[in-house]
Each structure stands twice: as structure tokens, then as C-alpha cells.
Amino acid sequence: MRLNRILFALAVPFFAVAVFRAASQPPAPVTSAPTYVPDYTHANEPLPPGFLAWDETTKSVDATNGQDFARFVFSFTNVAMAVTLGQATNVSYTTNFTIVTNQGFWAVFSGRKYSAIPSVTSNTNVFTVTNSATPIQVTILTVHPSCGCTTAELPPTPWQLPPGTNSSIRVAVNLAGKSGIVFKTVTVTTDKGKMDLMLKINISAAPPPQPMSEADRAMGVAAAKADRQAVFKGDCVNCHAKNTEGKYGQQLYAVVCAVCHDAEHRASMVPDLHNLKDPTPTSEEFWRAWITSGKPGTLMPAFATSQGGPLNEMQIGSLAAFLNVTIPPRAPAPAAK
């Protein structure tokens, strides 16, 4: 028992020293990957030449009236170099001789004599020379189109471009409601400066649609009888739903209503809205209900997007207001006595 106590007494100091040393040890450092922080110092300056080599910075495409989008692809290569300059000094020496004649007393006895006195001049020229040119990374910080109808497709920014990178920026312009010649710009901002890509779109009038044959018209009516929403599917969408974006009121009536109701060869089931036979109240809600949900059992489809149609709530409201003003109400016939 006494021996155990002695051994325990000797072990306690060593254990305390080990615990103290472990507690005094600094914790192991925790390292994490470095975070890239782009340099915005030159972001608002013009991008100097010699950093990004573009296939073209101004592009033009042709489109037709009714085309959904005009699309562009701008390709480029990172050719940026970090140039280190130095100075070289060139010193040249020139010896000039000045001819002088001896003068004074000795000239009487010895005659005139001529001597050459040399003089040395030096010219120092300092030249700037390139010590090294090292390819460097360029980072695209942002790409901003000039308006909301123009979108640019590229990787997430900041987009780091290692030396020699070949890549491209794709741009799409929504042509809804546009005609004639349209100009857009896309501003590319890098850590070396910014520049503009120029877009030009020549929108020509769409060719007039070819009239439907009687056979095609009969097939369309049959498809609409089987499914009144068929006018918003397949090839039918080109006439009944394709050109509705950005249109309201009278303009919207021309592209979605007049196609059927004002057509010269409309089906017998399609009424002439300007010469209705059934009573119609003076109410926007009356027209809104017809436009939103259509009428089952007829060729009238539901135009609301919630029911598979092409029109949103604002478009339906504008169309209902236009029809309520344009189409005179028709009172019910008086009851026979």
C-alpha cells in the first residue's frame, strides 16, 4: 500500500506537466481556400486595345415583322499582356581637333607654326525597351444590355478569363412591338476597362399570309369543334396567339379577335361582333367573362392563360374595355303581347 502511494505521488507531477503542455499548445491553424476579389479600379475607364480580341464589336442581322427574337453571338479571345519596360543607355564619344597658330616672341624666330588641340565630347541616348511580356488574366465584371428587351447569356460574373481564353457572349433582342431599324448596345465591364458591343436589327415587313384553302378551313373548324383550345396549338398558334405579347385594346383585337370574327370566310358558328343578334349588356364584365373562359360547345376558346390561352389579366381587361366601347349594346326584343 505504501509503495502504491509513492508511485501515485511520483506520477501526479508528470501528469500535471503533460496536461499543462497540452493546454498551452496553440490550436492548429484552420486554412481555407483564398477568395477571389475582383479589381474595380479601372472598371469605369475605356478598355484599351490589346486586351480582348473580338470577332466584331458591331453586328447587324435581318429579321421579319412578327419574328420573336433577333440573336447575336460575339466571340472573343483574351490576348492581354503585362508588359515590363526598362531603359537602355547608349553613350558615344567624339574627338574634335582645333587648329591654332603659335603666337608671340617665338613666332619671329621659328616662323608660323600650326598645332592641333584635341577635345572629346560625349552624347548620351536613353532608349525604352521591353524587358518582358507576360500573358495575364482578364475578368469580366458585368454585362449590361441597354434595355430590358435585350438579354445576354454568359457564365456567372465575375467571369475570370485565363490567358488565351476563347469564348463568346450570346445576346437576344425581343422584337415584340418593334419595326424598322432597331439599335441596341451591350456594355461589357472588365477589371481592365469597359466597352460597348453594338447591335443593329433590320426588321422588314412579314410577307402576307397565304389564304387558307377550303379543305384547310374545314380541317381547322373540325379541330376546333373537337377541342376549342386547338387554335392555340400546333400551326394554328401562328395566327391566333403568336403576336399577342405587348399588345392591348384595339391592337390586341386585331390579332386575336378579328382573325375569326372579322374574317371574310368565317365559319357559320362564328358571330359577326358588329352585327350581333343576341342581346348584349353594356358591361365590361360581360366581355371579360367571354374572353376569359370562352363558351363550351362552340368554337369560342378560353383566352386566359390560366385556362390555356395566351392573354394575361391586363390584356383581357383592355380588350373587354375596347369591346364595351366599340360594340353597341343590343337590348332584348320586347315580349310579344
Protein backbone atom coordinates (compact mmCIF):
# COMPACT_ATOMS: atom_id res chain seq x y z
CA MET A 1 0.00 0.00 0.00
CA ARG A 2 2.80 2.40 0.87
CA LEU A 3 4.52 1.62 -2.45
CA ASN A 4 1.34 2.46 -4.35
CA ARG A 5 1.10 5.80 -2.61
CA ILE A 6 4.72 6.59 -3.50
CA LEU A 7 4.15 5.68 -7.19
CA PHE A 8 0.96 7.78 -7.31
CA ALA A 9 2.76 10.76 -5.76
CA LEU A 10 5.51 10.49 -8.39
CA ALA A 11 3.03 10.15 -11.29
CA VAL A 12 0.91 13.19 -10.42
CA PRO A 13 3.60 15.82 -11.28
CA PHE A 14 4.29 14.20 -14.67
CA PHE A 15 0.58 14.08 -15.49
CA ALA A 16 0.13 17.74 -14.48
CA VAL A 17 3.06 18.78 -16.68
CA ALA A 18 1.61 16.90 -19.67
CA VAL A 19 -1.81 18.50 -19.18
CA PHE A 20 -0.22 21.98 -18.85
CA ARG A 21 1.80 21.48 -22.02
CA ALA A 22 -1.26 20.27 -23.95
CA ALA A 23 -3.29 23.26 -22.74
CA SER A 24 -0.54 25.70 -23.65
CA GLN A 25 -0.20 24.36 -27.19
CA PRO A 26 -1.75 26.81 -29.74
CA PRO A 27 -4.67 25.37 -31.73
CA ALA A 28 -3.88 24.05 -35.20
CA PRO A 29 -4.50 26.76 -37.79
CA VAL A 30 -7.61 26.33 -39.95
CA THR A 31 -6.92 27.16 -43.58
CA SER A 32 -9.49 27.91 -46.25
CA ALA A 33 -9.26 28.47 -49.97
CA PRO A 34 -8.44 32.07 -50.88
CA THR A 35 -11.40 34.17 -52.03
CA TYR A 36 -11.03 35.96 -55.34
CA VAL A 37 -11.73 39.68 -55.03
CA PRO A 38 -12.03 41.41 -58.41
CA ASP A 39 -10.34 44.74 -59.03
CA TYR A 40 -12.81 47.55 -59.83
CA THR A 41 -10.18 50.30 -60.04
CA HIS A 42 -10.37 50.59 -63.85
CA ALA A 43 -14.00 49.49 -64.29
CA ASN A 44 -15.21 52.94 -65.41
CA GLU A 45 -12.32 53.60 -67.79
CA PRO A 46 -12.34 52.77 -71.53
CA LEU A 47 -10.91 49.34 -72.24
CA PRO A 48 -7.58 49.86 -74.03
CA PRO A 49 -6.91 47.90 -77.23
CA GLY A 50 -4.92 44.70 -76.93
CA PHE A 51 -6.84 43.02 -74.09
CA LEU A 52 -9.84 41.27 -75.69
CA ALA A 53 -9.75 40.49 -79.42
CA TRP A 54 -13.36 40.38 -80.73
CA ASP A 55 -14.51 38.87 -84.00
CA GLU A 56 -16.59 42.06 -84.35
CA THR A 57 -17.85 44.71 -81.93
CA THR A 58 -20.69 45.85 -84.22
CA LYS A 59 -23.07 43.31 -85.75
CA SER A 60 -26.21 43.53 -87.86
CA VAL A 61 -28.96 40.98 -88.51
CA ASP A 62 -32.11 40.95 -90.62
CA ALA A 63 -35.48 40.00 -89.17
CA THR A 64 -39.08 39.96 -90.30
CA ASN A 65 -42.02 41.66 -88.66
CA GLY A 66 -43.55 39.04 -86.39
CA GLN A 67 -40.26 37.29 -85.62
CA ASP A 68 -39.87 36.63 -81.90
CA PHE A 69 -36.18 37.37 -81.30
CA ALA A 70 -33.05 38.62 -83.04
CA ARG A 71 -29.98 36.73 -81.88
CA PHE A 72 -26.28 37.65 -81.89
CA VAL A 73 -23.05 35.86 -80.95
CA PHE A 74 -19.95 37.92 -80.09
CA SER A 75 -16.77 35.78 -79.95
CA PHE A 76 -13.53 36.95 -78.33
CA THR A 77 -10.06 35.87 -77.19
CA ASN A 78 -8.11 37.06 -74.15
CA VAL A 79 -4.84 38.39 -75.64
CA ALA A 80 -3.90 40.62 -72.69
CA MET A 81 -0.22 41.01 -71.81
CA ALA A 82 1.55 42.54 -68.81
CA VAL A 83 4.50 44.41 -70.34
CA THR A 84 7.54 45.29 -68.20
CA LEU A 85 9.57 48.22 -69.58
CA GLY A 86 13.21 49.12 -68.93
CA GLN A 87 15.77 51.70 -70.08
CA ALA A 88 18.96 51.24 -72.08
CA THR A 89 21.69 53.91 -72.21
CA ASN A 90 23.97 54.39 -75.20
CA VAL A 91 26.97 56.74 -74.80
CA SER A 92 29.02 57.77 -77.85
CA TYR A 93 32.28 59.75 -77.81
CA THR A 94 33.54 62.15 -80.49
CA THR A 95 37.05 63.63 -80.73
CA ASN A 96 37.32 67.10 -82.26
CA PHE A 97 40.61 68.84 -83.26
CA THR A 98 41.04 72.62 -83.10
CA ILE A 99 43.84 74.11 -85.27
CA VAL A 100 45.70 77.03 -83.62
CA THR A 101 48.68 79.18 -84.72
CA ASN A 102 51.60 79.86 -82.38
CA GLN A 103 51.92 83.48 -81.40
CA GLY A 104 54.35 85.79 -79.64
CA PHE A 105 58.12 86.11 -79.47
CA TRP A 106 59.00 82.60 -80.69
CA ALA A 107 56.99 83.03 -83.83
CA VAL A 108 59.52 85.69 -85.06
CA PHE A 109 62.41 83.20 -84.91
CA SER A 110 60.70 79.96 -85.74
CA GLY A 111 58.09 81.18 -88.18
CA ARG A 112 54.43 80.45 -88.04
CA LYS A 113 53.51 77.01 -86.94
CA TYR A 114 50.19 75.33 -86.55
CA SER A 115 49.10 72.96 -83.79
CA ALA A 116 46.05 70.73 -83.36
CA ILE A 117 44.39 70.72 -79.93
CA PRO A 118 42.15 67.70 -79.41
CA SER A 119 38.84 67.84 -77.48
CA VAL A 120 36.46 64.98 -76.64
CA THR A 121 32.67 65.29 -76.45
CA SER A 122 30.14 62.60 -75.46
CA ASN A 123 26.48 62.02 -76.44
CA THR A 124 24.20 60.04 -74.17
CA ASN A 125 20.99 58.46 -75.59
CA VAL A 126 18.40 56.69 -73.37
CA PHE A 127 16.04 54.13 -75.00
CA THR A 128 12.93 52.46 -73.57
CA VAL A 129 12.99 48.72 -74.17
CA THR A 130 10.63 45.84 -73.33
CA ASN A 131 12.09 43.57 -70.72
CA SER A 132 9.18 41.05 -70.70
CA ALA A 133 5.59 40.50 -71.87
CA THR A 134 3.58 38.03 -69.79
CA PRO A 135 0.03 36.82 -70.67
CA ILE A 136 -2.43 37.78 -67.90
CA GLN A 137 -5.99 37.06 -66.80
CA VAL A 138 -8.90 39.37 -67.62
CA THR A 139 -12.08 39.34 -65.52
CA ILE A 140 -15.48 40.33 -66.91
CA LEU A 141 -17.24 42.06 -64.01
CA THR A 142 -20.65 42.82 -65.53
CA VAL A 143 -22.51 42.73 -68.86
CA HIS A 144 -25.37 45.25 -69.09
CA PRO A 145 -27.76 45.46 -72.09
CA SER A 146 -29.17 48.89 -72.91
CA CYS A 147 -32.78 47.90 -72.09
CA GLY A 148 -34.95 45.16 -70.66
CA CYS A 149 -35.88 43.68 -74.06
CA THR A 150 -32.23 42.68 -74.57
CA THR A 151 -30.65 39.82 -72.64
CA ALA A 152 -27.08 38.49 -72.57
CA GLU A 153 -26.13 34.86 -71.97
CA LEU A 154 -22.78 34.22 -70.24
CA PRO A 155 -21.34 32.41 -67.19
CA PRO A 156 -21.87 33.92 -63.71
CA THR A 157 -19.86 37.06 -63.03
CA PRO A 158 -17.17 37.84 -62.11
CA TRP A 159 -16.12 35.72 -65.10
CA GLN A 160 -12.39 35.01 -64.94
CA LEU A 161 -10.71 34.56 -68.33
CA PRO A 162 -7.29 32.88 -68.15
CA PRO A 163 -4.72 33.92 -70.79
CA GLY A 164 -5.64 32.74 -74.29
CA THR A 165 -9.30 32.00 -73.39
CA ASN A 166 -11.63 31.73 -76.39
CA SER A 167 -15.30 32.23 -75.58
CA SER A 168 -18.43 34.14 -76.60
CA ILE A 169 -21.35 36.19 -75.32
CA ARG A 170 -24.80 35.45 -76.76
CA VAL A 171 -27.33 38.26 -76.99
CA ALA A 172 -31.07 38.09 -77.76
CA VAL A 173 -33.37 41.04 -78.50
CA ASN A 174 -37.12 40.65 -78.04
CA LEU A 175 -38.74 42.06 -81.19
CA ALA A 176 -42.32 42.29 -79.87
CA GLY A 177 -43.83 45.60 -80.95
CA LYS A 178 -40.73 46.65 -82.92
CA SER A 179 -40.39 47.57 -86.58
CA GLY A 180 -37.95 49.29 -88.93
CA ILE A 181 -34.30 49.63 -87.87
CA VAL A 182 -33.55 49.00 -84.19
CA PHE A 183 -30.25 49.76 -82.42
CA LYS A 184 -29.18 48.25 -79.08
CA THR A 185 -25.97 48.21 -77.05
CA VAL A 186 -24.42 45.81 -74.56
CA THR A 187 -21.80 47.24 -72.16
CA VAL A 188 -19.05 44.80 -71.14
CA THR A 189 -17.19 45.91 -68.00
CA THR A 190 -13.87 44.24 -67.12
CA ASP A 191 -11.22 44.81 -64.48
CA LYS A 192 -9.14 46.50 -67.23
CA GLY A 193 -11.91 48.84 -68.50
CA LYS A 194 -15.27 48.76 -70.28
CA MET A 195 -16.52 48.76 -73.88
CA ASP A 196 -19.77 48.61 -75.85
CA LEU A 197 -20.98 45.95 -78.28
CA MET A 198 -23.27 47.47 -80.92
CA LEU A 199 -26.36 45.67 -82.29
CA LYS A 200 -28.36 46.64 -85.37
CA ILE A 201 -31.59 44.90 -86.41
CA ASN A 202 -33.26 45.48 -89.77
CA ILE A 203 -36.91 44.46 -89.37
CA SER A 204 -38.73 44.03 -92.67
CA ALA A 205 -42.46 43.55 -93.12
CA ALA A 206 -43.60 39.95 -92.96
CA PRO A 207 -44.95 38.51 -96.20
CA PRO A 208 -48.76 38.40 -96.34
CA PRO A 209 -50.17 35.10 -95.12
CA GLN A 210 -51.37 32.69 -97.74
CA PRO A 211 -55.17 32.32 -97.77
CA MET A 212 -56.47 29.06 -96.40
CA SER A 213 -57.98 26.61 -98.77
CA GLU A 214 -61.47 25.32 -98.19
CA ALA A 215 -60.04 21.97 -97.17
CA ASP A 216 -57.69 23.56 -94.62
CA ARG A 217 -60.51 25.72 -93.29
CA ALA A 218 -62.76 22.66 -92.87
CA MET A 219 -59.98 20.81 -91.02
CA GLY A 220 -59.48 23.79 -88.70
CA VAL A 221 -63.18 24.02 -87.87
CA ALA A 222 -63.32 20.28 -87.20
CA ALA A 223 -60.31 20.50 -84.86
CA ALA A 224 -61.89 23.45 -83.01
CA LYS A 225 -65.16 21.55 -82.59
CA ALA A 226 -63.28 18.66 -81.02
CA ASP A 227 -61.14 20.95 -78.85
CA ARG A 228 -61.88 24.67 -78.81
CA GLN A 229 -58.37 25.34 -77.43
CA ALA A 230 -56.86 23.80 -80.57
CA VAL A 231 -56.41 27.30 -82.05
CA PHE A 232 -53.58 27.81 -79.53
CA LYS A 233 -51.73 24.64 -80.53
CA GLY A 234 -49.59 23.48 -83.45
CA ASP A 235 -49.57 25.61 -86.59
CA CYS A 236 -52.76 27.43 -85.51
CA VAL A 237 -50.80 29.40 -82.92
CA ASN A 238 -49.15 31.45 -85.69
CA CYS A 239 -52.46 33.20 -86.43
CA HIS A 240 -54.27 33.04 -83.10
CA ALA A 241 -51.70 33.59 -80.35
CA LYS A 242 -48.19 34.31 -81.62
CA ASN A 243 -48.42 38.12 -81.86
CA THR A 244 -50.22 38.93 -78.61
CA GLU A 245 -47.22 39.90 -76.47
CA GLY A 246 -47.15 43.60 -75.61
CA LYS A 247 -50.49 44.34 -77.31
CA TYR A 248 -53.63 45.78 -75.68
CA GLY A 249 -57.06 47.15 -76.63
CA GLN A 250 -57.65 47.76 -80.33
CA GLN A 251 -54.26 46.37 -81.36
CA LEU A 252 -54.98 43.17 -79.44
CA TYR A 253 -58.44 42.89 -81.04
CA ALA A 254 -56.84 42.99 -84.49
CA VAL A 255 -54.57 40.00 -83.81
CA VAL A 256 -56.82 37.71 -81.73
CA CYS A 257 -60.46 38.63 -82.43
CA ALA A 258 -60.62 39.97 -85.97
CA VAL A 259 -58.85 36.85 -87.28
CA CYS A 260 -62.11 34.95 -86.79
CA HIS A 261 -64.94 37.45 -86.16
CA ASP A 262 -64.00 39.85 -88.99
CA ALA A 263 -62.82 37.18 -91.44
CA GLU A 264 -64.43 37.14 -94.88
CA HIS A 265 -64.88 33.36 -94.83
CA ARG A 266 -65.65 32.87 -91.15
CA ALA A 267 -67.48 29.77 -90.04
CA SER A 268 -71.23 29.98 -89.63
CA MET A 269 -70.82 29.33 -85.91
CA VAL A 270 -68.63 32.45 -85.52
CA PRO A 271 -70.77 35.59 -84.99
CA ASP A 272 -70.13 38.99 -86.52
CA LEU A 273 -69.43 41.09 -83.42
CA HIS A 274 -70.53 44.27 -85.20
CA ASN A 275 -73.91 42.79 -86.03
CA LEU A 276 -74.88 40.63 -83.08
CA LYS A 277 -78.32 39.07 -83.00
CA ASP A 278 -78.38 38.13 -79.32
CA PRO A 279 -78.86 40.77 -76.57
CA THR A 280 -75.66 42.23 -75.08
CA PRO A 281 -75.48 44.39 -71.95
CA THR A 282 -73.34 47.49 -71.51
CA SER A 283 -70.82 45.86 -69.22
CA GLU A 284 -67.10 45.15 -69.37
CA GLU A 285 -67.72 42.12 -67.16
CA PHE A 286 -69.87 40.60 -69.90
CA TRP A 287 -66.99 40.76 -72.38
CA ARG A 288 -64.39 39.82 -69.78
CA ALA A 289 -66.27 36.58 -68.99
CA TRP A 290 -66.46 35.61 -72.66
CA ILE A 291 -62.78 36.37 -73.29
CA THR A 292 -61.56 34.64 -70.12
CA SER A 293 -63.50 31.38 -70.31
CA GLY A 294 -64.94 31.25 -73.82
CA LYS A 295 -68.08 29.15 -74.31
CA PRO A 296 -68.15 25.35 -74.11
CA GLY A 297 -69.87 23.65 -77.03
CA THR A 298 -68.88 26.38 -79.50
CA LEU A 299 -65.69 27.40 -81.34
CA MET A 300 -65.03 30.17 -78.80
CA PRO A 301 -61.85 29.25 -76.83
CA ALA A 302 -60.79 30.43 -73.39
CA PHE A 303 -58.15 33.16 -73.86
CA ALA A 304 -56.96 33.41 -70.23
CA THR A 305 -53.52 31.98 -69.54
CA SER A 306 -55.00 30.17 -66.53
CA GLN A 307 -57.15 28.18 -68.95
CA GLY A 308 -54.57 27.52 -71.63
CA GLY A 309 -54.95 30.76 -73.58
CA PRO A 310 -52.38 33.46 -74.50
CA LEU A 311 -53.75 36.55 -72.65
CA ASN A 312 -52.95 37.83 -69.16
CA GLU A 313 -55.37 39.73 -66.90
CA MET A 314 -54.29 43.19 -68.09
CA GLN A 315 -54.72 42.22 -71.73
CA ILE A 316 -58.16 40.75 -71.08
CA GLY A 317 -59.22 43.90 -69.21
CA SER A 318 -58.03 46.17 -72.06
CA LEU A 319 -59.80 44.02 -74.65
CA ALA A 320 -63.04 43.98 -72.63
CA ALA A 321 -62.94 47.77 -72.30
CA PHE A 322 -62.37 48.16 -76.04
CA LEU A 323 -65.25 45.84 -76.96
CA ASN A 324 -67.58 47.51 -74.46
CA VAL A 325 -67.00 50.87 -76.16
CA THR A 326 -66.85 49.60 -79.74
CA ILE A 327 -69.70 47.08 -79.85
CA PRO A 328 -73.03 48.83 -79.18
CA PRO A 329 -75.24 47.03 -76.67
CA ARG A 330 -78.26 45.24 -78.02
CA ALA A 331 -81.37 45.30 -75.84
CA PRO A 332 -83.59 42.21 -75.73
CA ALA A 333 -86.62 42.28 -78.02
CA PRO A 334 -89.86 43.25 -76.29
CA ALA A 335 -92.05 40.37 -75.29
CA ALA A 336 -94.99 39.64 -77.61
CA LYS A 337 -98.38 40.59 -76.22
